[in-house]
Amino acid sequence: MDRVDVARALSSSVRLHILELLKDPEGNFTSQREGDLSGAGACVSVIARELGFSQPTVSRHLEILRDAGLVETERVAQWNFHRRDHAGIRRARDLLSDI
């Protein structure tokens, strides 16, 4: 984890909003079909619908968050579920507190 990557990931209001929404996926997203929301997090389609962005745009934001160690992804059946990486967020907080 690099503090430049963390700072870059947190420099976007969209990515900050995604992190906020992922605090409580079941409370912040509405499932449209069975399987697109679970305890493993939320799939891109659910996040994109909530944000009003295309799936490729949201996928790119999630990739940046994942590269910074703030989000983790788990493959379940045909879906990739995204959730906050709490250990990564703690490491990012520690990195940024040293600035």
PDB file of N, CA and C in Angstrom:
ATOM      1  N   MET A   1       0.860  -1.176   0.000  1.00  0.00           N
ATOM      2  CA  MET A   1       0.000   0.000   0.000  1.00  0.00           C
ATOM      3  C   MET A   1       0.899   1.229   0.000  1.00  0.00           C
ATOM      4  N   ASP A   2       0.602   2.131  -0.886  1.00  0.00           N
ATOM      5  CA  ASP A   2       1.373   3.350  -1.059  1.00  0.00           C
ATOM      6  C   ASP A   2       0.487   4.551  -0.747  1.00  0.00           C
ATOM      7  N   ARG A   3       1.008   5.522  -0.016  1.00  0.00           N
ATOM      8  CA  ARG A   3       0.153   6.654   0.377  1.00  0.00           C
ATOM      9  C   ARG A   3      -0.280   7.500  -0.807  1.00  0.00           C
ATOM     10  N   VAL A   4       0.501   7.510  -1.886  1.00  0.00           N
ATOM     11  CA  VAL A   4       0.081   8.239  -3.093  1.00  0.00           C
ATOM     12  C   VAL A   4      -1.149   7.562  -3.692  1.00  0.00           C
ATOM     13  N   ASP A   5      -1.133   6.224  -3.745  1.00  0.00           N
ATOM     14  CA  ASP A   5      -2.298   5.490  -4.254  1.00  0.00           C
ATOM     15  C   ASP A   5      -3.517   5.724  -3.373  1.00  0.00           C
ATOM     16  N   VAL A   6      -3.305   5.734  -2.064  1.00  0.00           N
ATOM     17  CA  VAL A   6      -4.411   5.972  -1.133  1.00  0.00           C
ATOM     18  C   VAL A   6      -4.959   7.384  -1.325  1.00  0.00           C
ATOM     19  N   ALA A   7      -4.064   8.370  -1.388  1.00  0.00           N
ATOM     20  CA  ALA A   7      -4.507   9.752  -1.573  1.00  0.00           C
ATOM     21  C   ALA A   7      -5.247   9.913  -2.894  1.00  0.00           C
ATOM     22  N   ARG A   8      -4.738   9.277  -3.939  1.00  0.00           N
ATOM     23  CA  ARG A   8      -5.400   9.336  -5.253  1.00  0.00           C
ATOM     24  C   ARG A   8      -6.794   8.720  -5.176  1.00  0.00           C
ATOM     25  N   ALA A   9      -6.893   7.565  -4.519  1.00  0.00           N
ATOM     26  CA  ALA A   9      -8.187   6.880  -4.408  1.00  0.00           C
ATOM     27  C   ALA A   9      -9.186   7.732  -3.642  1.00  0.00           C
ATOM     28  N   LEU A  10      -8.722   8.424  -2.618  1.00  0.00           N
ATOM     29  CA  LEU A  10      -9.620   9.224  -1.785  1.00  0.00           C
ATOM     30  C   LEU A  10      -9.874  10.622  -2.338  1.00  0.00           C
ATOM     31  N   SER A  11      -9.218  10.967  -3.441  1.00  0.00           N
ATOM     32  CA  SER A  11      -9.376  12.308  -4.006  1.00  0.00           C
ATOM     33  C   SER A  11     -10.643  12.476  -4.842  1.00  0.00           C
ATOM     34  N   SER A  12     -11.401  11.412  -5.006  1.00  0.00           N
ATOM     35  CA  SER A  12     -12.612  11.450  -5.822  1.00  0.00           C
ATOM     36  C   SER A  12     -13.860  11.386  -4.941  1.00  0.00           C
ATOM     37  N   SER A  13     -14.767  12.317  -5.157  1.00  0.00           N
ATOM     38  CA  SER A  13     -16.017  12.285  -4.395  1.00  0.00           C
ATOM     39  C   SER A  13     -16.830  11.034  -4.724  1.00  0.00           C
ATOM     40  N   VAL A  14     -16.710  10.525  -5.948  1.00  0.00           N
ATOM     41  CA  VAL A  14     -17.426   9.299  -6.326  1.00  0.00           C
ATOM     42  C   VAL A  14     -16.875   8.122  -5.524  1.00  0.00           C
ATOM     43  N   ARG A  15     -15.556   8.018  -5.438  1.00  0.00           N
ATOM     44  CA  ARG A  15     -14.971   6.905  -4.696  1.00  0.00           C
ATOM     45  C   ARG A  15     -15.264   7.016  -3.199  1.00  0.00           C
ATOM     46  N   LEU A  16     -15.265   8.222  -2.669  1.00  0.00           N
ATOM     47  CA  LEU A  16     -15.648   8.400  -1.268  1.00  0.00           C
ATOM     48  C   LEU A  16     -17.098   7.968  -1.046  1.00  0.00           C
ATOM     49  N   HIS A  17     -17.957   8.300  -1.997  1.00  0.00           N
ATOM     50  CA  HIS A  17     -19.365   7.903  -1.902  1.00  0.00           C
ATOM     51  C   HIS A  17     -19.504   6.383  -1.954  1.00  0.00           C
ATOM     52  N   ILE A  18     -18.735   5.730  -2.819  1.00  0.00           N
ATOM     53  CA  ILE A  18     -18.765   4.267  -2.896  1.00  0.00           C
ATOM     54  C   ILE A  18     -18.360   3.671  -1.553  1.00  0.00           C
ATOM     55  N   LEU A  19     -17.294   4.194  -0.951  1.00  0.00           N
ATOM     56  CA  LEU A  19     -16.871   3.686   0.358  1.00  0.00           C
ATOM     57  C   LEU A  19     -17.950   3.876   1.411  1.00  0.00           C
ATOM     58  N   GLU A  20     -18.626   5.024   1.370  1.00  0.00           N
ATOM     59  CA  GLU A  20     -19.721   5.275   2.321  1.00  0.00           C
ATOM     60  C   GLU A  20     -20.857   4.278   2.110  1.00  0.00           C
ATOM     61  N   LEU A  21     -21.233   4.058   0.854  1.00  0.00           N
ATOM     62  CA  LEU A  21     -22.315   3.129   0.560  1.00  0.00           C
ATOM     63  C   LEU A  21     -21.970   1.702   0.981  1.00  0.00           C
ATOM     64  N   LEU A  22     -20.710   1.338   0.833  1.00  0.00           N
ATOM     65  CA  LEU A  22     -20.292  -0.019   1.172  1.00  0.00           C
ATOM     66  C   LEU A  22     -20.175  -0.256   2.674  1.00  0.00           C
ATOM     67  N   LYS A  23     -20.361   0.789   3.472  1.00  0.00           N
ATOM     68  CA  LYS A  23     -20.401   0.591   4.924  1.00  0.00           C
ATOM     69  C   LYS A  23     -21.561  -0.325   5.296  1.00  0.00           C
ATOM     70  N   ASP A  24     -22.676  -0.182   4.573  1.00  0.00           N
ATOM     71  CA  ASP A  24     -23.875  -0.968   4.862  1.00  0.00           C
ATOM     72  C   ASP A  24     -24.562  -1.322   3.545  1.00  0.00           C
ATOM     73  N   PRO A  25     -24.034  -2.298   2.804  1.00  0.00           N
ATOM     74  CA  PRO A  25     -24.589  -2.614   1.493  1.00  0.00           C
ATOM     75  C   PRO A  25     -26.080  -2.949   1.519  1.00  0.00           C
ATOM     76  N   GLU A  26     -26.496  -3.761   2.469  1.00  0.00           N
ATOM     77  CA  GLU A  26     -27.902  -4.166   2.494  1.00  0.00           C
ATOM     78  C   GLU A  26     -28.814  -3.008   2.867  1.00  0.00           C
ATOM     79  N   GLY A  27     -28.304  -2.032   3.604  1.00  0.00           N
ATOM     80  CA  GLY A  27     -29.106  -0.866   3.963  1.00  0.00           C
ATOM     81  C   GLY A  27     -29.084   0.230   2.909  1.00  0.00           C
ATOM     82  N   ASN A  28     -28.012   0.277   2.105  1.00  0.00           N
ATOM     83  CA  ASN A  28     -27.852   1.361   1.133  1.00  0.00           C
ATOM     84  C   ASN A  28     -28.231   1.004  -0.297  1.00  0.00           C
ATOM     85  N   PHE A  29     -28.367  -0.279  -0.594  1.00  0.00           N
ATOM     86  CA  PHE A  29     -28.697  -0.702  -1.950  1.00  0.00           C
ATOM     87  C   PHE A  29     -29.975  -1.529  -1.942  1.00  0.00           C
ATOM     88  N   THR A  30     -30.684  -1.475  -3.048  1.00  0.00           N
ATOM     89  CA  THR A  30     -31.879  -2.289  -3.229  1.00  0.00           C
ATOM     90  C   THR A  30     -31.567  -3.378  -4.240  1.00  0.00           C
ATOM     91  N   SER A  31     -31.812  -4.615  -3.847  1.00  0.00           N
ATOM     92  CA  SER A  31     -31.575  -5.736  -4.740  1.00  0.00           C
ATOM     93  C   SER A  31     -32.620  -5.733  -5.849  1.00  0.00           C
ATOM     94  N   GLN A  32     -32.181  -5.948  -7.072  1.00  0.00           N
ATOM     95  CA  GLN A  32     -33.097  -5.996  -8.217  1.00  0.00           C
ATOM     96  C   GLN A  32     -33.393  -7.422  -8.652  1.00  0.00           C
ATOM     97  N   ARG A  33     -32.513  -8.345  -8.290  1.00  0.00           N
ATOM     98  CA  ARG A  33     -32.717  -9.756  -8.627  1.00  0.00           C
ATOM     99  C   ARG A  33     -31.948 -10.585  -7.606  1.00  0.00           C
ATOM    100  N   GLU A  34     -32.350 -11.786  -7.433  1.00  0.00           N
ATOM    101  CA  GLU A  34     -31.707 -12.655  -6.443  1.00  0.00           C
ATOM    102  C   GLU A  34     -30.224 -12.805  -6.744  1.00  0.00           C
ATOM    103  N   GLY A  35     -29.416 -12.557  -5.743  1.00  0.00           N
ATOM    104  CA  GLY A  35     -27.985 -12.777  -5.882  1.00  0.00           C
ATOM    105  C   GLY A  35     -27.145 -11.557  -6.139  1.00  0.00           C
ATOM    106  N   ASP A  36     -27.745 -10.389  -6.429  1.00  0.00           N
ATOM    107  CA  ASP A  36     -26.904  -9.239  -6.746  1.00  0.00           C
ATOM    108  C   ASP A  36     -26.492  -8.436  -5.512  1.00  0.00           C
ATOM    109  N   LEU A  37     -26.898  -8.888  -4.335  1.00  0.00           N
ATOM    110  CA  LEU A  37     -26.545  -8.234  -3.086  1.00  0.00           C
ATOM    111  C   LEU A  37     -26.443  -9.319  -2.031  1.00  0.00           C
ATOM    112  N   SER A  38     -25.357  -9.313  -1.281  1.00  0.00           N
ATOM    113  CA  SER A  38     -25.202 -10.349  -0.265  1.00  0.00           C
ATOM    114  C   SER A  38     -24.315  -9.834   0.848  1.00  0.00           C
ATOM    115  N   GLY A  39     -24.096 -10.680   1.843  1.00  0.00           N
ATOM    116  CA  GLY A  39     -23.186 -10.333   2.919  1.00  0.00           C
ATOM    117  C   GLY A  39     -21.771 -10.124   2.422  1.00  0.00           C
ATOM    118  N   ALA A  40     -21.483 -10.612   1.209  1.00  0.00           N
ATOM    119  CA  ALA A  40     -20.163 -10.437   0.605  1.00  0.00           C
ATOM    120  C   ALA A  40     -19.981  -9.036   0.044  1.00  0.00           C
ATOM    121  N   GLY A  41     -21.035  -8.224   0.035  1.00  0.00           N
ATOM    122  CA  GLY A  41     -20.957  -6.868  -0.496  1.00  0.00           C
ATOM    123  C   GLY A  41     -21.988  -6.629  -1.575  1.00  0.00           C
ATOM    124  N   ALA A  42     -21.641  -5.792  -2.513  1.00  0.00           N
ATOM    125  CA  ALA A  42     -22.566  -5.425  -3.589  1.00  0.00           C
ATOM    126  C   ALA A  42     -21.878  -5.601  -4.934  1.00  0.00           C
ATOM    127  N   CYS A  43     -22.647  -5.994  -5.937  1.00  0.00           N
ATOM    128  CA  CYS A  43     -22.089  -6.133  -7.277  1.00  0.00           C
ATOM    129  C   CYS A  43     -22.094  -4.776  -7.983  1.00  0.00           C
ATOM    130  N   VAL A  44     -21.347  -4.684  -9.046  1.00  0.00           N
ATOM    131  CA  VAL A  44     -21.180  -3.423  -9.771  1.00  0.00           C
ATOM    132  C   VAL A  44     -22.516  -2.874 -10.249  1.00  0.00           C
ATOM    133  N   SER A  45     -23.404  -3.734 -10.722  1.00  0.00           N
ATOM    134  CA  SER A  45     -24.671  -3.241 -11.267  1.00  0.00           C
ATOM    135  C   SER A  45     -25.488  -2.509 -10.206  1.00  0.00           C
ATOM    136  N   VAL A  46     -25.465  -3.011  -8.980  1.00  0.00           N
ATOM    137  CA  VAL A  46     -26.216  -2.372  -7.898  1.00  0.00           C
ATOM    138  C   VAL A  46     -25.580  -1.027  -7.537  1.00  0.00           C
ATOM    139  N   ILE A  47     -24.251  -1.001  -7.472  1.00  0.00           N
ATOM    140  CA  ILE A  47     -23.544   0.240  -7.151  1.00  0.00           C
ATOM    141  C   ILE A  47     -23.766   1.263  -8.260  1.00  0.00           C
ATOM    142  N   ALA A  48     -23.641   0.832  -9.514  1.00  0.00           N
ATOM    143  CA  ALA A  48     -23.819   1.741 -10.655  1.00  0.00           C
ATOM    144  C   ALA A  48     -25.219   2.337 -10.678  1.00  0.00           C
ATOM    145  N   ARG A  49     -26.220   1.508 -10.419  1.00  0.00           N
ATOM    146  CA  ARG A  49     -27.604   1.994 -10.416  1.00  0.00           C
ATOM    147  C   ARG A  49     -27.797   3.058  -9.332  1.00  0.00           C
ATOM    148  N   GLU A  50     -27.238   2.815  -8.150  1.00  0.00           N
ATOM    149  CA  GLU A  50     -27.380   3.771  -7.047  1.00  0.00           C
ATOM    150  C   GLU A  50     -26.689   5.100  -7.363  1.00  0.00           C
ATOM    151  N   LEU A  51     -25.519   5.023  -8.005  1.00  0.00           N
ATOM    152  CA  LEU A  51     -24.762   6.235  -8.313  1.00  0.00           C
ATOM    153  C   LEU A  51     -25.247   6.941  -9.581  1.00  0.00           C
ATOM    154  N   GLY A  52     -25.937   6.200 -10.446  1.00  0.00           N
ATOM    155  CA  GLY A  52     -26.369   6.781 -11.717  1.00  0.00           C
ATOM    156  C   GLY A  52     -25.249   6.848 -12.744  1.00  0.00           C
ATOM    157  N   PHE A  53     -24.286   5.927 -12.633  1.00  0.00           N
ATOM    158  CA  PHE A  53     -23.173   5.856 -13.575  1.00  0.00           C
ATOM    159  C   PHE A  53     -23.224   4.526 -14.309  1.00  0.00           C
ATOM    160  N   SER A  54     -22.461   4.426 -15.395  1.00  0.00           N
ATOM    161  CA  SER A  54     -22.386   3.159 -16.124  1.00  0.00           C
ATOM    162  C   SER A  54     -21.550   2.156 -15.331  1.00  0.00           C
ATOM    163  N   GLN A  55     -21.765   0.880 -15.622  1.00  0.00           N
ATOM    164  CA  GLN A  55     -20.995  -0.160 -14.943  1.00  0.00           C
ATOM    165  C   GLN A  55     -19.495  -0.043 -15.215  1.00  0.00           C
ATOM    166  N   PRO A  56     -19.064   0.257 -16.455  1.00  0.00           N
ATOM    167  CA  PRO A  56     -17.616   0.409 -16.678  1.00  0.00           C
ATOM    168  C   PRO A  56     -17.004   1.557 -15.854  1.00  0.00           C
ATOM    169  N   THR A  57     -17.736   2.644 -15.698  1.00  0.00           N
ATOM    170  CA  THR A  57     -17.235   3.760 -14.897  1.00  0.00           C
ATOM    171  C   THR A  57     -17.075   3.345 -13.447  1.00  0.00           C
ATOM    172  N   VAL A  58     -18.069   2.673 -12.904  1.00  0.00           N
ATOM    173  CA  VAL A  58     -18.010   2.221 -11.517  1.00  0.00           C
ATOM    174  C   VAL A  58     -16.923   1.163 -11.353  1.00  0.00           C
ATOM    175  N   SER A  59     -16.778   0.293 -12.329  1.00  0.00           N
ATOM    176  CA  SER A  59     -15.720  -0.729 -12.271  1.00  0.00           C
ATOM    177  C   SER A  59     -14.343  -0.077 -12.182  1.00  0.00           C
ATOM    178  N   ARG A  60     -14.155   0.989 -12.919  1.00  0.00           N
ATOM    179  CA  ARG A  60     -12.863   1.704 -12.878  1.00  0.00           C
ATOM    180  C   ARG A  60     -12.639   2.322 -11.499  1.00  0.00           C
ATOM    181  N   HIS A  61     -13.664   2.933 -10.923  1.00  0.00           N
ATOM    182  CA  HIS A  61     -13.532   3.501  -9.583  1.00  0.00           C
ATOM    183  C   HIS A  61     -13.223   2.408  -8.567  1.00  0.00           C
ATOM    184  N   LEU A  62     -13.881   1.262  -8.683  1.00  0.00           N
ATOM    185  CA  LEU A  62     -13.628   0.145  -7.769  1.00  0.00           C
ATOM    186  C   LEU A  62     -12.213  -0.389  -7.938  1.00  0.00           C
ATOM    187  N   GLU A  63     -11.716  -0.408  -9.159  1.00  0.00           N
ATOM    188  CA  GLU A  63     -10.354  -0.864  -9.415  1.00  0.00           C
ATOM    189  C   GLU A  63      -9.345   0.034  -8.700  1.00  0.00           C
ATOM    190  N   ILE A  64      -9.560   1.327  -8.750  1.00  0.00           N
ATOM    191  CA  ILE A  64      -8.665   2.270  -8.072  1.00  0.00           C
ATOM    192  C   ILE A  64      -8.724   2.074  -6.560  1.00  0.00           C
ATOM    193  N   LEU A  65      -9.925   1.884  -6.024  1.00  0.00           N
ATOM    194  CA  LEU A  65     -10.077   1.628  -4.594  1.00  0.00           C
ATOM    195  C   LEU A  65      -9.409   0.301  -4.207  1.00  0.00           C
ATOM    196  N   ARG A  66      -9.554  -0.696  -5.042  1.00  0.00           N
ATOM    197  CA  ARG A  66      -8.951  -2.008  -4.778  1.00  0.00           C
ATOM    198  C   ARG A  66      -7.424  -1.912  -4.840  1.00  0.00           C
ATOM    199  N   ASP A  67      -6.899  -1.203  -5.840  1.00  0.00           N
ATOM    200  CA  ASP A  67      -5.446  -1.045  -5.972  1.00  0.00           C
ATOM    201  C   ASP A  67      -4.848  -0.317  -4.766  1.00  0.00           C
ATOM    202  N   ALA A  68      -5.629   0.554  -4.157  1.00  0.00           N
ATOM    203  CA  ALA A  68      -5.173   1.290  -2.976  1.00  0.00           C
ATOM    204  C   ALA A  68      -5.354   0.473  -1.699  1.00  0.00           C
ATOM    205  N   GLY A  69      -6.001  -0.689  -1.801  1.00  0.00           N
ATOM    206  CA  GLY A  69      -6.198  -1.543  -0.647  1.00  0.00           C
ATOM    207  C   GLY A  69      -7.400  -1.185   0.206  1.00  0.00           C
ATOM    208  N   LEU A  70      -8.343  -0.418  -0.354  1.00  0.00           N
ATOM    209  CA  LEU A  70      -9.494   0.049   0.415  1.00  0.00           C
ATOM    210  C   LEU A  70     -10.744  -0.794   0.200  1.00  0.00           C
ATOM    211  N   VAL A  71     -10.774  -1.550  -0.890  1.00  0.00           N
ATOM    212  CA  VAL A  71     -11.919  -2.396  -1.229  1.00  0.00           C
ATOM    213  C   VAL A  71     -11.382  -3.762  -1.614  1.00  0.00           C
ATOM    214  N   GLU A  72     -12.132  -4.792  -1.251  1.00  0.00           N
ATOM    215  CA  GLU A  72     -11.782  -6.138  -1.695  1.00  0.00           C
ATOM    216  C   GLU A  72     -12.939  -6.709  -2.490  1.00  0.00           C
ATOM    217  N   THR A  73     -12.612  -7.632  -3.380  1.00  0.00           N
ATOM    218  CA  THR A  73     -13.589  -8.216  -4.282  1.00  0.00           C
ATOM    219  C   THR A  73     -13.603  -9.725  -4.097  1.00  0.00           C
ATOM    220  N   GLU A  74     -14.812 -10.280  -4.081  1.00  0.00           N
ATOM    221  CA  GLU A  74     -14.974 -11.728  -3.953  1.00  0.00           C
ATOM    222  C   GLU A  74     -15.885 -12.214  -5.068  1.00  0.00           C
ATOM    223  N   ARG A  75     -15.449 -13.235  -5.761  1.00  0.00           N
ATOM    224  CA  ARG A  75     -16.246 -13.836  -6.839  1.00  0.00           C
ATOM    225  C   ARG A  75     -17.198 -14.857  -6.216  1.00  0.00           C
ATOM    226  N   VAL A  76     -18.505 -14.682  -6.450  1.00  0.00           N
ATOM    227  CA  VAL A  76     -19.524 -15.620  -5.990  1.00  0.00           C
ATOM    228  C   VAL A  76     -20.425 -15.905  -7.191  1.00  0.00           C
ATOM    229  N   ALA A  77     -20.433 -17.165  -7.626  1.00  0.00           N
ATOM    230  CA  ALA A  77     -21.183 -17.570  -8.822  1.00  0.00           C
ATOM    231  C   ALA A  77     -20.742 -16.679  -9.986  1.00  0.00           C
ATOM    232  N   GLN A  78     -21.678 -16.005 -10.640  1.00  0.00           N
ATOM    233  CA  GLN A  78     -21.323 -15.163 -11.792  1.00  0.00           C
ATOM    234  C   GLN A  78     -21.068 -13.707 -11.418  1.00  0.00           C
ATOM    235  N   TRP A  79     -21.125 -13.377 -10.142  1.00  0.00           N
ATOM    236  CA  TRP A  79     -20.962 -11.987  -9.712  1.00  0.00           C
ATOM    237  C   TRP A  79     -19.665 -11.770  -8.967  1.00  0.00           C
ATOM    238  N   ASN A  80     -19.142 -10.557  -9.101  1.00  0.00           N
ATOM    239  CA  ASN A  80     -18.053 -10.087  -8.258  1.00  0.00           C
ATOM    240  C   ASN A  80     -18.672  -9.154  -7.224  1.00  0.00           C
ATOM    241  N   PHE A  81     -18.475  -9.465  -5.969  1.00  0.00           N
ATOM    242  CA  PHE A  81     -19.004  -8.630  -4.895  1.00  0.00           C
ATOM    243  C   PHE A  81     -17.883  -7.786  -4.311  1.00  0.00           C
ATOM    244  N   HIS A  82     -18.198  -6.539  -4.050  1.00  0.00           N
ATOM    245  CA  HIS A  82     -17.224  -5.580  -3.559  1.00  0.00           C
ATOM    246  C   HIS A  82     -17.628  -5.136  -2.160  1.00  0.00           C
ATOM    247  N   ARG A  83     -16.637  -5.086  -1.284  1.00  0.00           N
ATOM    248  CA  ARG A  83     -16.880  -4.639   0.089  1.00  0.00           C
ATOM    249  C   ARG A  83     -15.655  -3.870   0.566  1.00  0.00           C
ATOM    250  N   ARG A  84     -15.862  -3.126   1.629  1.00  0.00           N
ATOM    251  CA  ARG A  84     -14.757  -2.380   2.226  1.00  0.00           C
ATOM    252  C   ARG A  84     -13.740  -3.356   2.808  1.00  0.00           C
ATOM    253  N   ASP A  85     -12.472  -3.027   2.655  1.00  0.00           N
ATOM    254  CA  ASP A  85     -11.396  -3.795   3.276  1.00  0.00           C
ATOM    255  C   ASP A  85     -11.021  -3.045   4.550  1.00  0.00           C
ATOM    256  N   HIS A  86     -11.573  -3.483   5.670  1.00  0.00           N
ATOM    257  CA  HIS A  86     -11.402  -2.749   6.926  1.00  0.00           C
ATOM    258  C   HIS A  86      -9.940  -2.693   7.367  1.00  0.00           C
ATOM    259  N   ALA A  87      -9.200  -3.766   7.176  1.00  0.00           N
ATOM    260  CA  ALA A  87      -7.778  -3.756   7.517  1.00  0.00           C
ATOM    261  C   ALA A  87      -7.022  -2.782   6.616  1.00  0.00           C
ATOM    262  N   GLY A  88      -7.373  -2.758   5.347  1.00  0.00           N
ATOM    263  CA  GLY A  88      -6.745  -1.825   4.409  1.00  0.00           C
ATOM    264  C   GLY A  88      -7.067  -0.379   4.745  1.00  0.00           C
ATOM    265  N   ILE A  89      -8.280  -0.121   5.165  1.00  0.00           N
ATOM    266  CA  ILE A  89      -8.668   1.241   5.552  1.00  0.00           C
ATOM    267  C   ILE A  89      -7.888   1.669   6.790  1.00  0.00           C
ATOM    268  N   ARG A  90      -7.678   0.749   7.741  1.00  0.00           N
ATOM    269  CA  ARG A  90      -6.866   1.079   8.929  1.00  0.00           C
ATOM    270  C   ARG A  90      -5.421   1.379   8.523  1.00  0.00           C
ATOM    271  N   ARG A  91      -4.862   0.577   7.614  1.00  0.00           N
ATOM    272  CA  ARG A  91      -3.484   0.826   7.139  1.00  0.00           C
ATOM    273  C   ARG A  91      -3.400   2.168   6.414  1.00  0.00           C
ATOM    274  N   ALA A  92      -4.427   2.475   5.622  1.00  0.00           N
ATOM    275  CA  ALA A  92      -4.446   3.759   4.906  1.00  0.00           C
ATOM    276  C   ALA A  92      -4.511   4.919   5.894  1.00  0.00           C
ATOM    277  N   ARG A  93      -5.312   4.775   6.907  1.00  0.00           N
ATOM    278  CA  ARG A  93      -5.427   5.815   7.946  1.00  0.00           C
ATOM    279  C   ARG A  93      -4.070   6.039   8.608  1.00  0.00           C
ATOM    280  N   ASP A  94      -3.370   4.960   8.917  1.00  0.00           N
ATOM    281  CA  ASP A  94      -2.050   5.060   9.537  1.00  0.00           C
ATOM    282  C   ASP A  94      -1.052   5.735   8.601  1.00  0.00           C
ATOM    283  N   LEU A  95      -1.078   5.350   7.319  1.00  0.00           N
ATOM    284  CA  LEU A  95      -0.178   5.960   6.334  1.00  0.00           C
ATOM    285  C   LEU A  95      -0.408   7.469   6.232  1.00  0.00           C
ATOM    286  N   LEU A  96      -1.670   7.848   6.154  1.00  0.00           N
ATOM    287  CA  LEU A  96      -1.994   9.269   5.979  1.00  0.00           C
ATOM    288  C   LEU A  96      -1.751  10.078   7.251  1.00  0.00           C
ATOM    289  N   SER A  97      -1.807   9.435   8.397  1.00  0.00           N
ATOM    290  CA  SER A  97      -1.577  10.174   9.646  1.00  0.00           C
ATOM    291  C   SER A  97      -0.110  10.561   9.795  1.00  0.00           C
ATOM    292  N   ASP A  98       0.777   9.907   9.042  1.00  0.00           N
ATOM    293  CA  ASP A  98       2.205  10.221   9.098  1.00  0.00           C
ATOM    294  C   ASP A  98       2.583  11.418   8.233  1.00  0.00           C
ATOM    295  N   ILE A  99       1.646  11.971   7.506  1.00  0.00           N
ATOM    296  CA  ILE A  99       1.946  13.112   6.608  1.00  0.00           C
ATOM    297  C   ILE A  99       2.046  14.368   7.433  1.00  0.00           C
TER     298      ILE A  99
END
